[in-house]
Amino acid sequence: MEQTHRFTKYMLDLYLPEGLLPEPSFRWKQYYAKYHATSFYGTQCMFNLRPVVLELAQFVHEHGVSHYRLEGDMLMREYAIATDGLYGTVRSLVQHIGFISTGLASFFHRASTFDGSSAF
């Protein structure tokens, strides 16, 4: 993925709960898929390139710390929309461990594509 998108800023979501994988037409490779940032689900586990981390840290600090406007995961969603570089692994590499959502959702979610063999 880094070779394909080496000059592009992108965020890689390693956790996608059931029903949030994009249509097959959005699948770029066997292991990851681009999806619309408006569908960004949360920050359970993310991989970001160093340039993205630096920009994102500044953006979150400006809009979530210095002048609080939104929660951190929603600010990451705004950043992903602005950069149009959000990807997710086709198979979740991590699992949500809580029995109650830690975010704004009122429902419990799990990634059915997670099999535990790649757990950290």
C-alpha atoms as a PDB file:
ATOM      1  CA  MET A   1       0.000   0.000   0.000  1.00  0.00           C
ATOM      2  CA  GLU A   2       2.830   2.380   0.788  1.00  0.00           C
ATOM      3  CA  GLN A   3       4.338   1.871  -2.673  1.00  0.00           C
ATOM      4  CA  THR A   4       1.011   2.409  -4.435  1.00  0.00           C
ATOM      5  CA  HIS A   5       0.171   5.547  -2.460  1.00  0.00           C
ATOM      6  CA  ARG A   6       3.644   6.791  -1.581  1.00  0.00           C
ATOM      7  CA  PHE A   7       2.934  10.401  -2.588  1.00  0.00           C
ATOM      8  CA  THR A   8      -0.551  10.481  -1.122  1.00  0.00           C
ATOM      9  CA  LYS A   9      -1.572  11.323   2.408  1.00  0.00           C
ATOM     10  CA  TYR A  10      -3.807   8.582   3.693  1.00  0.00           C
ATOM     11  CA  MET A  11      -5.221   7.132   6.881  1.00  0.00           C
ATOM     12  CA  LEU A  12      -5.647   3.376   7.257  1.00  0.00           C
ATOM     13  CA  ASP A  13      -8.422   2.093   9.499  1.00  0.00           C
ATOM     14  CA  LEU A  14      -7.557  -1.374  10.874  1.00  0.00           C
ATOM     15  CA  TYR A  15     -11.016  -1.934  12.374  1.00  0.00           C
ATOM     16  CA  LEU A  16     -14.187  -1.972  10.292  1.00  0.00           C
ATOM     17  CA  PRO A  17     -17.338  -3.379  11.847  1.00  0.00           C
ATOM     18  CA  GLU A  18     -19.750  -5.441   9.813  1.00  0.00           C
ATOM     19  CA  GLY A  19     -21.628  -3.525   7.150  1.00  0.00           C
ATOM     20  CA  LEU A  20     -19.093  -0.723   6.754  1.00  0.00           C
ATOM     21  CA  LEU A  21     -16.886  -2.279   4.113  1.00  0.00           C
ATOM     22  CA  PRO A  22     -17.252  -0.413   0.839  1.00  0.00           C
ATOM     23  CA  GLU A  23     -18.834  -1.833  -2.263  1.00  0.00           C
ATOM     24  CA  PRO A  24     -16.537  -4.148  -4.245  1.00  0.00           C
ATOM     25  CA  SER A  25     -16.078  -1.353  -6.782  1.00  0.00           C
ATOM     26  CA  PHE A  26     -14.113   0.588  -4.156  1.00  0.00           C
ATOM     27  CA  ARG A  27     -11.738  -2.282  -3.461  1.00  0.00           C
ATOM     28  CA  TRP A  28      -8.265  -1.418  -4.645  1.00  0.00           C
ATOM     29  CA  LYS A  29      -6.331  -4.461  -3.569  1.00  0.00           C
ATOM     30  CA  GLN A  30      -6.872  -7.758  -1.849  1.00  0.00           C
ATOM     31  CA  TYR A  31      -6.067  -6.400   1.614  1.00  0.00           C
ATOM     32  CA  TYR A  32      -7.426  -2.844   1.738  1.00  0.00           C
ATOM     33  CA  ALA A  33     -10.171  -0.699   0.312  1.00  0.00           C
ATOM     34  CA  LYS A  34     -10.816   2.993  -0.038  1.00  0.00           C
ATOM     35  CA  TYR A  35     -14.005   4.180   1.558  1.00  0.00           C
ATOM     36  CA  HIS A  36     -15.860   7.461   1.872  1.00  0.00           C
ATOM     37  CA  ALA A  37     -14.715   9.502   4.844  1.00  0.00           C
ATOM     38  CA  THR A  38     -18.305  10.480   5.569  1.00  0.00           C
ATOM     39  CA  SER A  39     -18.687   6.834   6.672  1.00  0.00           C
ATOM     40  CA  PHE A  40     -15.708   7.053   9.044  1.00  0.00           C
ATOM     41  CA  TYR A  41     -16.642   4.994  12.070  1.00  0.00           C
ATOM     42  CA  GLY A  42     -14.082   5.758  14.736  1.00  0.00           C
ATOM     43  CA  THR A  43     -10.557   5.469  15.913  1.00  0.00           C
ATOM     44  CA  GLN A  44     -10.364   2.012  17.473  1.00  0.00           C
ATOM     45  CA  CYS A  45      -7.106   1.340  15.604  1.00  0.00           C
ATOM     46  CA  MET A  46      -5.529   3.544  12.944  1.00  0.00           C
ATOM     47  CA  PHE A  47      -2.273   3.582  11.007  1.00  0.00           C
ATOM     48  CA  ASN A  48      -1.106   7.011   9.883  1.00  0.00           C
ATOM     49  CA  LEU A  49       1.977   8.100   8.000  1.00  0.00           C
ATOM     50  CA  ARG A  50       4.315  10.553   9.756  1.00  0.00           C
ATOM     51  CA  PRO A  51       3.229  13.597   7.642  1.00  0.00           C
ATOM     52  CA  VAL A  52      -0.406  12.777   8.395  1.00  0.00           C
ATOM     53  CA  VAL A  53       0.297  12.389  12.124  1.00  0.00           C
ATOM     54  CA  LEU A  54       1.934  15.827  12.247  1.00  0.00           C
ATOM     55  CA  GLU A  55      -0.903  17.551  10.369  1.00  0.00           C
ATOM     56  CA  LEU A  56      -3.571  15.648  12.240  1.00  0.00           C
ATOM     57  CA  ALA A  57      -2.036  16.454  15.635  1.00  0.00           C
ATOM     58  CA  GLN A  58      -2.022  20.146  14.767  1.00  0.00           C
ATOM     59  CA  PHE A  59      -5.607  19.999  13.452  1.00  0.00           C
ATOM     60  CA  VAL A  60      -6.890  18.171  16.562  1.00  0.00           C
ATOM     61  CA  HIS A  61      -5.008  20.550  18.844  1.00  0.00           C
ATOM     62  CA  GLU A  62      -6.473  23.617  17.119  1.00  0.00           C
ATOM     63  CA  HIS A  63     -10.050  22.314  16.994  1.00  0.00           C
ATOM     64  CA  GLY A  64     -10.218  19.976  19.982  1.00  0.00           C
ATOM     65  CA  VAL A  65      -7.832  21.379  22.587  1.00  0.00           C
ATOM     66  CA  SER A  66      -7.084  25.093  22.122  1.00  0.00           C
ATOM     67  CA  HIS A  67     -10.636  25.822  21.017  1.00  0.00           C
ATOM     68  CA  TYR A  68     -12.792  22.782  21.686  1.00  0.00           C
ATOM     69  CA  ARG A  69     -15.237  22.183  18.847  1.00  0.00           C
ATOM     70  CA  LEU A  70     -15.548  18.394  18.468  1.00  0.00           C
ATOM     71  CA  GLU A  71     -14.319  15.084  19.881  1.00  0.00           C
ATOM     72  CA  GLY A  72     -11.034  13.749  18.526  1.00  0.00           C
ATOM     73  CA  ASP A  73     -12.515  10.983  16.377  1.00  0.00           C
ATOM     74  CA  MET A  74     -14.917  13.415  14.703  1.00  0.00           C
ATOM     75  CA  LEU A  75     -12.019  15.772  14.013  1.00  0.00           C
ATOM     76  CA  MET A  76     -10.171  12.863  12.397  1.00  0.00           C
ATOM     77  CA  ARG A  77     -13.280  12.326  10.259  1.00  0.00           C
ATOM     78  CA  GLU A  78     -13.159  15.989   9.146  1.00  0.00           C
ATOM     79  CA  TYR A  79      -9.478  15.606   8.296  1.00  0.00           C
ATOM     80  CA  ALA A  80     -10.198  12.418   6.325  1.00  0.00           C
ATOM     81  CA  ILE A  81     -12.962  14.185   4.375  1.00  0.00           C
ATOM     82  CA  ALA A  82     -10.646  17.111   3.574  1.00  0.00           C
ATOM     83  CA  THR A  83      -7.781  14.893   2.390  1.00  0.00           C
ATOM     84  CA  ASP A  84      -9.952  12.223   0.688  1.00  0.00           C
ATOM     85  CA  GLY A  85      -7.502   9.549   1.718  1.00  0.00           C
ATOM     86  CA  LEU A  86      -9.327   7.101   3.961  1.00  0.00           C
ATOM     87  CA  TYR A  87      -8.723   3.372   3.549  1.00  0.00           C
ATOM     88  CA  GLY A  88      -9.637   0.355   5.600  1.00  0.00           C
ATOM     89  CA  THR A  89      -8.313  -3.152   5.796  1.00  0.00           C
ATOM     90  CA  VAL A  90     -10.700  -5.585   4.115  1.00  0.00           C
ATOM     91  CA  ARG A  91     -10.365  -7.899   7.121  1.00  0.00           C
ATOM     92  CA  SER A  92     -10.279  -6.204  10.529  1.00  0.00           C
ATOM     93  CA  LEU A  93      -6.875  -6.621  12.160  1.00  0.00           C
ATOM     94  CA  VAL A  94      -8.206  -5.775  15.633  1.00  0.00           C
ATOM     95  CA  GLN A  95     -11.447  -6.307  17.512  1.00  0.00           C
ATOM     96  CA  HIS A  96     -13.514  -3.893  19.578  1.00  0.00           C
ATOM     97  CA  ILE A  97     -13.180  -5.275  23.106  1.00  0.00           C
ATOM     98  CA  GLY A  98     -15.843  -3.290  24.960  1.00  0.00           C
ATOM     99  CA  PHE A  99     -19.340  -4.607  25.510  1.00  0.00           C
ATOM    100  CA  ILE A 100     -20.684  -1.063  25.433  1.00  0.00           C
ATOM    101  CA  SER A 101     -19.647   1.397  22.765  1.00  0.00           C
ATOM    102  CA  THR A 102     -16.986   3.828  23.958  1.00  0.00           C
ATOM    103  CA  GLY A 103     -18.157   6.460  21.497  1.00  0.00           C
ATOM    104  CA  LEU A 104     -21.407   8.148  20.693  1.00  0.00           C
ATOM    105  CA  ALA A 105     -23.095   5.023  19.384  1.00  0.00           C
ATOM    106  CA  SER A 106     -25.795   3.461  21.504  1.00  0.00           C
ATOM    107  CA  PHE A 107     -25.180  -0.029  20.141  1.00  0.00           C
ATOM    108  CA  PHE A 108     -22.549  -2.713  20.533  1.00  0.00           C
ATOM    109  CA  HIS A 109     -20.432  -3.491  17.499  1.00  0.00           C
ATOM    110  CA  ARG A 110     -17.923  -6.148  16.555  1.00  0.00           C
ATOM    111  CA  ALA A 111     -15.933  -6.855  13.422  1.00  0.00           C
ATOM    112  CA  SER A 112     -17.085 -10.157  11.990  1.00  0.00           C
ATOM    113  CA  THR A 113     -14.040 -10.269   9.704  1.00  0.00           C
ATOM    114  CA  PHE A 114     -11.647 -10.439  12.668  1.00  0.00           C
ATOM    115  CA  ASP A 115     -10.320 -13.949  13.311  1.00  0.00           C
ATOM    116  CA  GLY A 116      -7.692 -13.261  15.984  1.00  0.00           C
ATOM    117  CA  SER A 117      -4.712 -14.551  14.036  1.00  0.00           C
ATOM    118  CA  SER A 118      -3.331 -11.050  13.524  1.00  0.00           C
ATOM    119  CA  ALA A 119      -4.028  -9.649  16.996  1.00  0.00           C
ATOM    120  CA  PHE A 120      -1.343  -7.391  18.463  1.00  0.00           C
END
